[in-house]
C-alpha atoms as a PDB file:
ATOM      1  CA  MET A   1     100.464  99.299  75.236  1.00  0.00           C
ATOM      2  CA  LYS A   2      97.444 101.656  74.943  1.00  0.00           C
ATOM      3  CA  GLU A   3      96.084  99.547  72.038  1.00  0.00           C
ATOM      4  CA  HIS A   4      96.369  96.456  74.176  1.00  0.00           C
ATOM      5  CA  ILE A   5      94.650  98.132  77.133  1.00  0.00           C
ATOM      6  CA  VAL A   6      91.744  99.215  74.943  1.00  0.00           C
ATOM      7  CA  GLU A   7      91.537  95.701  73.497  1.00  0.00           C
ATOM      8  CA  VAL A   8      91.308  94.268  77.070  1.00  0.00           C
ATOM      9  CA  ILE A   9      88.665  96.846  77.931  1.00  0.00           C
ATOM     10  CA  HIS A  10      86.432  95.780  75.109  1.00  0.00           C
ATOM     11  CA  GLN A  11      86.938  92.110  76.002  1.00  0.00           C
ATOM     12  CA  ILE A  12      85.984  92.831  79.633  1.00  0.00           C
ATOM     13  CA  GLU A  13      82.786  94.401  78.368  1.00  0.00           C
ATOM     14  CA  ILE A  14      82.028  91.224  76.403  1.00  0.00           C
ATOM     15  CA  ASP A  15      83.066  88.662  79.001  1.00  0.00           C
ATOM     16  CA  HIS A  16      81.423  90.423  81.941  1.00  0.00           C
ATOM     17  CA  ASP A  17      78.429  91.897  80.161  1.00  0.00           C
ATOM     18  CA  VAL A  18      79.152  95.535  81.246  1.00  0.00           C
ATOM     19  CA  LYS A  19      80.023  98.841  79.699  1.00  0.00           C
ATOM     20  CA  ILE A  20      83.199 100.565  80.795  1.00  0.00           C
ATOM     21  CA  LEU A  21      82.779 104.352  81.219  1.00  0.00           C
ATOM     22  CA  PHE A  22      86.346 105.392  81.993  1.00  0.00           C
ATOM     23  CA  ALA A  23      89.833 103.852  82.256  1.00  0.00           C
ATOM     24  CA  CYS A  24      93.038 105.666  83.290  1.00  0.00           C
ATOM     25  CA  GLU A  25      96.545 105.220  84.651  1.00  0.00           C
ATOM     26  CA  SER A  26      96.742 105.494  88.455  1.00  0.00           C
ATOM     27  CA  GLY A  27     100.286 104.525  89.580  1.00  0.00           C
ATOM     28  CA  SER A  28     103.722 105.839  89.186  1.00  0.00           C
ATOM     29  CA  ARG A  29     103.204 106.536  85.438  1.00  0.00           C
ATOM     30  CA  ALA A  30     100.324 108.925  86.344  1.00  0.00           C
ATOM     31  CA  TRP A  31     102.301 110.451  89.168  1.00  0.00           C
ATOM     32  CA  GLY A  32     105.206 111.180  86.776  1.00  0.00           C
ATOM     33  CA  PHE A  33     107.966 108.959  87.986  1.00  0.00           C
ATOM     34  CA  PRO A  34     107.742 105.611  86.373  1.00  0.00           C
ATOM     35  CA  SER A  35     110.874 103.488  86.018  1.00  0.00           C
ATOM     36  CA  LYS A  36     111.614 101.611  82.801  1.00  0.00           C
ATOM     37  CA  ASP A  37     109.905  98.395  84.108  1.00  0.00           C
ATOM     38  CA  SER A  38     106.991  99.975  85.945  1.00  0.00           C
ATOM     39  CA  ASP A  39     103.665  98.185  85.713  1.00  0.00           C
ATOM     40  CA  TYR A  40     100.709  99.726  84.056  1.00  0.00           C
ATOM     41  CA  ASP A  41      98.196 100.342  86.840  1.00  0.00           C
ATOM     42  CA  VAL A  42      94.929 100.803  84.980  1.00  0.00           C
ATOM     43  CA  ARG A  43      91.800 101.673  86.942  1.00  0.00           C
ATOM     44  CA  PHE A  44      88.334 101.793  85.454  1.00  0.00           C
ATOM     45  CA  ILE A  45      84.641 102.469  86.271  1.00  0.00           C
ATOM     46  CA  TYR A  46      81.887 100.324  84.693  1.00  0.00           C
ATOM     47  CA  ILE A  47      78.181  99.929  84.674  1.00  0.00           C
ATOM     48  CA  HIS A  48      75.919  96.870  84.521  1.00  0.00           C
ATOM     49  CA  LYS A  49      72.667  96.438  82.701  1.00  0.00           C
ATOM     50  CA  PRO A  50      69.575  97.788  84.508  1.00  0.00           C
ATOM     51  CA  ASP A  51      68.389  94.345  85.752  1.00  0.00           C
ATOM     52  CA  TRP A  52      71.634  93.975  87.788  1.00  0.00           C
ATOM     53  CA  TYR A  53      70.451  96.862  90.008  1.00  0.00           C
ATOM     54  CA  LEU A  54      67.045  95.393  90.630  1.00  0.00           C
ATOM     55  CA  SER A  55      67.946  92.896  93.294  1.00  0.00           C
ATOM     56  CA  ILE A  56      67.584  92.642  97.089  1.00  0.00           C
ATOM     57  CA  ASP A  57      71.047  91.126  97.307  1.00  0.00           C
ATOM     58  CA  GLN A  58      74.290  93.045  97.098  1.00  0.00           C
ATOM     59  CA  LYS A  59      76.550  91.634  94.393  1.00  0.00           C
ATOM     60  CA  ARG A  60      80.224  91.804  93.696  1.00  0.00           C
ATOM     61  CA  ASP A  61      81.093  95.335  92.639  1.00  0.00           C
ATOM     62  CA  VAL A  62      84.742  95.059  91.472  1.00  0.00           C
ATOM     63  CA  ILE A  63      86.508  93.471  88.505  1.00  0.00           C
ATOM     64  CA  GLU A  64      90.209  92.604  89.008  1.00  0.00           C
ATOM     65  CA  ILE A  65      92.441  91.381  86.164  1.00  0.00           C
ATOM     66  CA  PRO A  66      94.593  89.534  86.786  1.00  0.00           C
ATOM     67  CA  GLY A  67      93.223  88.463  90.186  1.00  0.00           C
ATOM     68  CA  GLY A  68      89.781  87.435  91.054  1.00  0.00           C
ATOM     69  CA  ASP A  69      88.431  87.701  87.502  1.00  0.00           C
ATOM     70  CA  SER A  70      89.412  86.580  84.098  1.00  0.00           C
ATOM     71  CA  VAL A  71      89.227  87.741  80.487  1.00  0.00           C
ATOM     72  CA  SER A  72      89.367  85.549  77.401  1.00  0.00           C
ATOM     73  CA  ILE A  73      92.442  87.025  75.739  1.00  0.00           C
ATOM     74  CA  PRO A  74      96.092  86.996  76.770  1.00  0.00           C
ATOM     75  CA  ILE A  75      97.179  89.805  79.135  1.00  0.00           C
ATOM     76  CA  ASP A  76     100.568  91.558  79.074  1.00  0.00           C
ATOM     77  CA  LEU A  77     102.489  90.714  82.267  1.00  0.00           C
ATOM     78  CA  LEU A  78     103.037  94.416  83.058  1.00  0.00           C
ATOM     79  CA  LEU A  79      99.279  95.145  82.998  1.00  0.00           C
ATOM     80  CA  ASP A  80      97.342  95.324  86.270  1.00  0.00           C
ATOM     81  CA  MET A  81      93.672  96.289  85.895  1.00  0.00           C
ATOM     82  CA  SER A  82      91.014  96.896  88.535  1.00  0.00           C
ATOM     83  CA  GLY A  83      87.546  98.387  88.162  1.00  0.00           C
ATOM     84  CA  TRP A  84      84.738  99.662  90.371  1.00  0.00           C
ATOM     85  CA  GLU A  85      81.061  99.301  89.471  1.00  0.00           C
ATOM     86  CA  LEU A  86      79.398 102.713  89.168  1.00  0.00           C
ATOM     87  CA  THR A  87      77.323 102.714  92.333  1.00  0.00           C
ATOM     88  CA  LYS A  88      80.431 101.713  94.349  1.00  0.00           C
ATOM     89  CA  ALA A  89      82.338 104.560  92.710  1.00  0.00           C
ATOM     90  CA  LEU A  90      79.557 107.039  93.432  1.00  0.00           C
ATOM     91  CA  ARG A  91      79.366 106.016  97.128  1.00  0.00           C
ATOM     92  CA  LEU A  92      83.099 106.574  97.426  1.00  0.00           C
ATOM     93  CA  PHE A  93      82.825 109.802  95.365  1.00  0.00           C
ATOM     94  CA  ARG A  94      80.264 111.000  97.905  1.00  0.00           C
ATOM     95  CA  LYS A  95      82.901 110.423 100.652  1.00  0.00           C
ATOM     96  CA  SER A  96      85.549 112.406  98.679  1.00  0.00           C
ATOM     97  CA  ASN A  97      87.632 109.269  98.250  1.00  0.00           C
ATOM     98  CA  PRO A  98      91.153 110.526  97.283  1.00  0.00           C
ATOM     99  CA  PRO A  99      92.178 107.544  95.023  1.00  0.00           C
ATOM    100  CA  LEU A 100      88.943 108.044  92.960  1.00  0.00           C
ATOM    101  CA  LEU A 101      89.566 111.779  92.740  1.00  0.00           C
ATOM    102  CA  GLU A 102      93.037 110.987  91.522  1.00  0.00           C
ATOM    103  CA  TRP A 103      91.636 108.663  88.815  1.00  0.00           C
ATOM    104  CA  LEU A 104      89.411 111.551  87.585  1.00  0.00           C
ATOM    105  CA  ARG A 105      92.460 113.818  87.367  1.00  0.00           C
ATOM    106  CA  SER A 106      94.759 111.392  85.732  1.00  0.00           C
ATOM    107  CA  ASN A 107      96.614 112.809  82.786  1.00  0.00           C
ATOM    108  CA  ILE A 108      96.763 109.396  81.180  1.00  0.00           C
ATOM    109  CA  VAL A 109      93.283 108.398  80.037  1.00  0.00           C
ATOM    110  CA  TYR A 110      93.062 105.167  78.013  1.00  0.00           C
ATOM    111  CA  TYR A 111      89.356 105.156  77.426  1.00  0.00           C
ATOM    112  CA  GLN A 112      86.165 107.233  78.091  1.00  0.00           C
ATOM    113  CA  SER A 113      82.691 106.748  76.833  1.00  0.00           C
ATOM    114  CA  TYR A 114      79.339 108.460  77.580  1.00  0.00           C
ATOM    115  CA  SER A 115      78.883 111.551  79.676  1.00  0.00           C
ATOM    116  CA  THR A 116      78.939 110.081  83.219  1.00  0.00           C
ATOM    117  CA  ILE A 117      82.589 110.880  84.018  1.00  0.00           C
ATOM    118  CA  ASP A 118      82.294 114.489  82.736  1.00  0.00           C
ATOM    119  CA  GLN A 119      79.300 114.922  85.074  1.00  0.00           C
ATOM    120  CA  MET A 120      81.287 113.571  87.966  1.00  0.00           C
ATOM    121  CA  LYS A 121      84.111 115.996  87.256  1.00  0.00           C
ATOM    122  CA  GLU A 122      81.653 118.858  87.329  1.00  0.00           C
ATOM    123  CA  LEU A 123      80.781 117.856  90.875  1.00  0.00           C
ATOM    124  CA  GLU A 124      84.325 117.399  92.094  1.00  0.00           C
ATOM    125  CA  GLN A 125      84.721 120.647  93.966  1.00  0.00           C
ATOM    126  CA  LYS A 126      81.232 120.367  95.450  1.00  0.00           C
ATOM    127  CA  ILE A 127      81.943 116.944  97.067  1.00  0.00           C
ATOM    128  CA  PHE A 128      85.559 117.665  97.911  1.00  0.00           C
ATOM    129  CA  SER A 129      86.179 117.215 101.628  1.00  0.00           C
ATOM    130  CA  PRO A 130      89.516 118.667 102.819  1.00  0.00           C
ATOM    131  CA  VAL A 131      89.023 116.737 106.115  1.00  0.00           C
ATOM    132  CA  SER A 132      88.665 113.346 104.412  1.00  0.00           C
ATOM    133  CA  CYS A 133      91.477 113.936 101.877  1.00  0.00           C
ATOM    134  CA  MET A 134      93.841 115.464 104.473  1.00  0.00           C
ATOM    135  CA  HIS A 135      93.490 112.448 106.709  1.00  0.00           C
ATOM    136  CA  HIS A 136      93.921 110.068 103.808  1.00  0.00           C
ATOM    137  CA  TYR A 137      97.194 111.603 102.641  1.00  0.00           C
ATOM    138  CA  LEU A 138      98.484 112.117 106.182  1.00  0.00           C
ATOM    139  CA  SER A 139      97.810 108.574 107.115  1.00  0.00           C
ATOM    140  CA  MET A 140      99.597 107.398 104.013  1.00  0.00           C
ATOM    141  CA  ALA A 141     102.564 109.562 104.685  1.00  0.00           C
ATOM    142  CA  LYS A 142     102.844 108.518 108.318  1.00  0.00           C
ATOM    143  CA  GLY A 143     102.615 104.852 107.507  1.00  0.00           C
ATOM    144  CA  ASN A 144     105.159 104.959 104.748  1.00  0.00           C
ATOM    145  CA  PHE A 145     107.508 107.127 106.787  1.00  0.00           C
ATOM    146  CA  ARG A 146     107.272 104.777 109.741  1.00  0.00           C
ATOM    147  CA  ASP A 147     107.614 101.529 107.775  1.00  0.00           C
ATOM    148  CA  ASP A 148     109.913 102.339 104.879  1.00  0.00           C
ATOM    149  CA  VAL A 149     112.464 105.173 105.582  1.00  0.00           C
ATOM    150  CA  GLN A 150     113.617 104.548 109.203  1.00  0.00           C
ATOM    151  CA  GLY A 151     116.380 102.037 108.481  1.00  0.00           C
ATOM    152  CA  GLU A 152     120.026 102.731 107.966  1.00  0.00           C
ATOM    153  CA  GLU A 153     119.536 101.922 104.317  1.00  0.00           C
ATOM    154  CA  VAL A 154     116.547 103.021 102.212  1.00  0.00           C
ATOM    155  CA  ARG A 155     115.303 102.493  98.655  1.00  0.00           C
ATOM    156  CA  ILE A 156     114.847 105.554  96.525  1.00  0.00           C
ATOM    157  CA  LYS A 157     111.185 104.988  95.681  1.00  0.00           C
ATOM    158  CA  LYS A 158     110.397 104.775  99.394  1.00  0.00           C
ATOM    159  CA  TYR A 159     111.226 108.464  99.772  1.00  0.00           C
ATOM    160  CA  LEU A 160     108.914 109.329  96.932  1.00  0.00           C
ATOM    161  CA  ASN A 161     106.163 107.223  98.437  1.00  0.00           C
ATOM    162  CA  VAL A 162     106.307 109.542 101.482  1.00  0.00           C
ATOM    163  CA  LEU A 163     106.969 112.805  99.674  1.00  0.00           C
ATOM    164  CA  ARG A 164     103.970 112.502  97.441  1.00  0.00           C
ATOM    165  CA  PRO A 165     101.279 112.239 100.131  1.00  0.00           C
ATOM    166  CA  VAL A 166     103.022 114.940 102.235  1.00  0.00           C
ATOM    167  CA  LEU A 167     103.015 117.337  99.355  1.00  0.00           C
ATOM    168  CA  ALA A 168      99.385 116.446  98.476  1.00  0.00           C
ATOM    169  CA  ALA A 169      98.421 117.243 102.087  1.00  0.00           C
ATOM    170  CA  LYS A 170     100.373 120.493 101.923  1.00  0.00           C
ATOM    171  CA  TRP A 171      98.428 121.412  98.761  1.00  0.00           C
ATOM    172  CA  ILE A 172      95.127 120.922 100.650  1.00  0.00           C
ATOM    173  CA  GLU A 173      96.452 123.132 103.472  1.00  0.00           C
ATOM    174  CA  LYS A 174      97.506 125.896 101.047  1.00  0.00           C
ATOM    175  CA  TYR A 175      94.754 125.846  98.485  1.00  0.00           C
ATOM    176  CA  ASP A 176      91.764 123.980 100.097  1.00  0.00           C
ATOM    177  CA  SER A 177      91.293 122.090  96.838  1.00  0.00           C
ATOM    178  CA  ILE A 178      91.890 118.703  95.251  1.00  0.00           C
ATOM    179  CA  PRO A 179      95.673 118.125  94.757  1.00  0.00           C
ATOM    180  CA  PRO A 180      97.100 117.505  91.290  1.00  0.00           C
ATOM    181  CA  ILE A 181      98.034 113.910  90.558  1.00  0.00           C
ATOM    182  CA  GLU A 182     101.379 114.747  88.956  1.00  0.00           C
ATOM    183  CA  PHE A 183     104.266 114.799  91.514  1.00  0.00           C
ATOM    184  CA  GLN A 184     106.240 117.407  89.592  1.00  0.00           C
ATOM    185  CA  GLU A 185     103.393 119.897  89.762  1.00  0.00           C
ATOM    186  CA  LEU A 186     103.301 119.557  93.545  1.00  0.00           C
ATOM    187  CA  VAL A 187     107.015 119.994  93.760  1.00  0.00           C
ATOM    188  CA  GLU A 188     107.051 123.125  91.585  1.00  0.00           C
ATOM    189  CA  GLU A 189     104.303 124.733  93.527  1.00  0.00           C
ATOM    190  CA  LEU A 190     105.225 123.858  97.076  1.00  0.00           C
ATOM    191  CA  VAL A 191     109.009 123.334  97.287  1.00  0.00           C
ATOM    192  CA  SER A 192     111.302 126.372  97.195  1.00  0.00           C
ATOM    193  CA  GLU A 193     114.358 126.554  94.949  1.00  0.00           C
ATOM    194  CA  GLY A 194     117.580 125.302  96.596  1.00  0.00           C
ATOM    195  CA  GLU A 195     119.359 122.259  97.900  1.00  0.00           C
ATOM    196  CA  TRP A 196     116.153 120.502  99.052  1.00  0.00           C
ATOM    197  CA  LYS A 197     114.429 120.897  95.591  1.00  0.00           C
ATOM    198  CA  ASP A 198     117.676 119.610  93.963  1.00  0.00           C
ATOM    199  CA  SER A 199     117.559 116.549  96.229  1.00  0.00           C
ATOM    200  CA  ILE A 200     114.060 115.728  94.986  1.00  0.00           C
ATOM    201  CA  ALA A 201     115.139 116.199  91.380  1.00  0.00           C
ATOM    202  CA  ASN A 202     117.973 113.793  91.946  1.00  0.00           C
ATOM    203  CA  LEU A 203     115.612 111.166  93.506  1.00  0.00           C
ATOM    204  CA  LEU A 204     113.242 111.475  90.501  1.00  0.00           C
ATOM    205  CA  GLU A 205     116.062 111.147  87.955  1.00  0.00           C
ATOM    206  CA  ARG A 206     117.403 108.033  89.664  1.00  0.00           C
ATOM    207  CA  LYS A 207     113.931 106.477  90.061  1.00  0.00           C
ATOM    208  CA  ARG A 208     113.220 106.932  86.331  1.00  0.00           C
ATOM    209  CA  ALA A 209     116.640 105.435  85.501  1.00  0.00           C
ATOM    210  CA  GLY A 210     115.603 102.245  87.377  1.00  0.00           C
ATOM    211  CA  GLU A 211     117.755 102.706  90.483  1.00  0.00           C
ATOM    212  CA  GLU A 212     114.711 102.537  92.705  1.00  0.00           C
ATOM    213  CA  ILE A 213     115.417  98.953  93.931  1.00  0.00           C
ATOM    214  CA  TYR A 214     118.931  99.741  95.236  1.00  0.00           C
ATOM    215  CA  LEU A 215     119.466 100.204  98.951  1.00  0.00           C
ATOM    216  CA  GLU A 216     121.554 103.216  99.958  1.00  0.00           C
ATOM    217  CA  THR A 217     122.462 105.130 103.087  1.00  0.00           C
ATOM    218  CA  ARG A 218     119.496 107.001 104.591  1.00  0.00           C
ATOM    219  CA  ILE A 219     119.350 110.656 103.461  1.00  0.00           C
ATOM    220  CA  ASP A 220     119.040 112.471 106.776  1.00  0.00           C
ATOM    221  CA  ASN A 221     117.958 115.933 105.460  1.00  0.00           C
ATOM    222  CA  ILE A 222     115.036 114.304 103.657  1.00  0.00           C
ATOM    223  CA  ASN A 223     114.079 112.307 106.743  1.00  0.00           C
ATOM    224  CA  GLU A 224     114.190 115.481 108.865  1.00  0.00           C
ATOM    225  CA  TYR A 225     112.138 117.414 106.425  1.00  0.00           C
ATOM    226  CA  LEU A 226     109.475 114.686 106.233  1.00  0.00           C
ATOM    227  CA  HIS A 227     109.399 114.339 110.079  1.00  0.00           C
ATOM    228  CA  GLU A 228     108.821 118.058 110.477  1.00  0.00           C
ATOM    229  CA  GLU A 229     106.153 118.323 107.774  1.00  0.00           C
ATOM    230  CA  ILE A 230     104.198 115.319 109.091  1.00  0.00           C
ATOM    231  CA  GLU A 231     104.219 116.827 112.614  1.00  0.00           C
ATOM    232  CA  HIS A 232     103.000 120.141 111.210  1.00  0.00           C
ATOM    233  CA  LEU A 233     100.277 118.509 109.143  1.00  0.00           C
ATOM    234  CA  GLU A 234      99.086 116.485 112.116  1.00  0.00           C
ATOM    235  CA  THR A 235      98.558 119.652 114.046  1.00  0.00           C
ATOM    236  CA  TYR A 236      96.791 121.309 111.125  1.00  0.00           C
ATOM    237  CA  ALA A 237      94.552 118.276 110.530  1.00  0.00           C
ATOM    238  CA  LYS A 238      93.222 118.510 114.065  1.00  0.00           C
ATOM    239  CA  LEU A 239      91.896 122.022 113.397  1.00  0.00           C
ATOM    240  CA  LEU A 240      90.190 121.099 110.111  1.00  0.00           C
ATOM    241  CA  ASN A 241      86.420 121.048 110.345  1.00  0.00           C
ATOM    242  CA  LYS A 242      84.419 121.598 107.204  1.00  0.00           C
ATOM    243  CA  ASP A 243      81.046 120.079 106.290  1.00  0.00           C
ATOM    244  CA  ILE A 244      79.948 119.622 102.763  1.00  0.00           C
ATOM    245  CA  PRO A 245      76.347 119.427 101.507  1.00  0.00           C
ATOM    246  CA  ASP A 246      74.966 115.866 101.061  1.00  0.00           C
ATOM    247  CA  PRO A 247      75.191 115.169  97.294  1.00  0.00           C
ATOM    248  CA  THR A 248      73.246 111.900  97.396  1.00  0.00           C
ATOM    249  CA  GLU A 249      70.192 113.146  95.442  1.00  0.00           C
ATOM    250  CA  GLU A 250      72.411 114.451  92.609  1.00  0.00           C
ATOM    251  CA  LEU A 251      74.447 111.255  92.519  1.00  0.00           C
ATOM    252  CA  ASP A 252      71.288 109.169  92.389  1.00  0.00           C
ATOM    253  CA  MET A 253      70.145 111.219  89.372  1.00  0.00           C
ATOM    254  CA  LEU A 254      73.538 110.759  87.839  1.00  0.00           C
ATOM    255  CA  LEU A 255      73.243 106.952  88.128  1.00  0.00           C
ATOM    256  CA  ARG A 256      69.800 106.930  86.648  1.00  0.00           C
ATOM    257  CA  GLY A 257      70.871 109.130  83.808  1.00  0.00           C
ATOM    258  CA  ALA A 258      73.875 106.892  83.118  1.00  0.00           C
ATOM    259  CA  LEU A 259      71.647 103.812  82.924  1.00  0.00           C
ATOM    260  CA  ARG A 260      69.353 105.478  80.421  1.00  0.00           C
ATOM    261  CA  GLU A 261      72.223 106.916  78.328  1.00  0.00           C
ATOM    262  CA  VAL A 262      74.279 103.680  78.159  1.00  0.00           C
ATOM    263  CA  TRP A 263      71.618 101.083  77.656  1.00  0.00           C
ATOM    264  CA  ASP A 264      68.992 102.999  75.767  1.00  0.00           C
ATOM    265  CA  GLU A 265      71.695 103.795  73.249  1.00  0.00           C
ATOM    266  CA  GLU A 266      72.632 100.109  72.931  1.00  0.00           C
ATOM    267  CA  LEU A 267      68.963  99.132  72.468  1.00  0.00           C
ATOM    268  CA  GLY A 268      68.615 101.758  69.767  1.00  0.00           C
ATOM    269  CA  GLU A 269      71.617 100.379  67.980  1.00  0.00           C
ATOM    270  CA  LEU A 270      70.188  96.902  68.121  1.00  0.00           C
ATOM    271  CA  GLY A 271      66.923  98.180  66.631  1.00  0.00           C
ATOM    272  CA  LYS A 272      68.743  99.766  63.758  1.00  0.00           C
ATOM    273  CA  ARG A 273      70.683  96.619  62.938  1.00  0.00           C
ATOM    274  CA  ARG A 274      67.397  94.671  62.768  1.00  0.00           C
END
């Protein structure tokens, strides 16, 4: 599949006249609990040619395949690709956007070119806002807990969809840093040995075996744990108050540097071929 993903990346560059800077896995495969038929959730960051940025009108700043955009080669049915244009990505980076921070920490990188992403990674801790990230993960945990695990019967993957943001929020509380993307790392660091940890291991094993779609009787000890942790994190979140320096000037410089690096290099290659 990686070869196919890279092939699609190069075709996107041709069809949409952009350069892709980075592409990674962002879903259950990156979290460490894919099932045998899980989709490939590929997320990428791309840059347009300089003229695209010299306009008084805001233009579309996402590419979605399949979805709102097309590519001129066949796409595997398990492949879902979505990309953000660089200025959109940098605006969200400035806000310490958790999904973007997860992309940058993905252990499954399909493609990377130029130095832009490495420069962003060097700024990660500087732009990290525990307030923004805590509220993101807590909101996700509360929504999934309310909507997905309150019935008499619950699907296995729904528990994991609450557990992951709860543990990510607990990581922020404990370490005041960006949580790791891999679920198992969160579990190993934050969950004590015993029956509760064994319950999580059992959920993971069954999810990977493809049992995620089956309904089963609600697991009350997990529900109780999640309820208590969410209440605790809500209290903690109200006390969080940490300002971060405005990184806009550095991010503006990063954008300008990326434009020079990407397109000057291409122009140089064109000159050599002539």
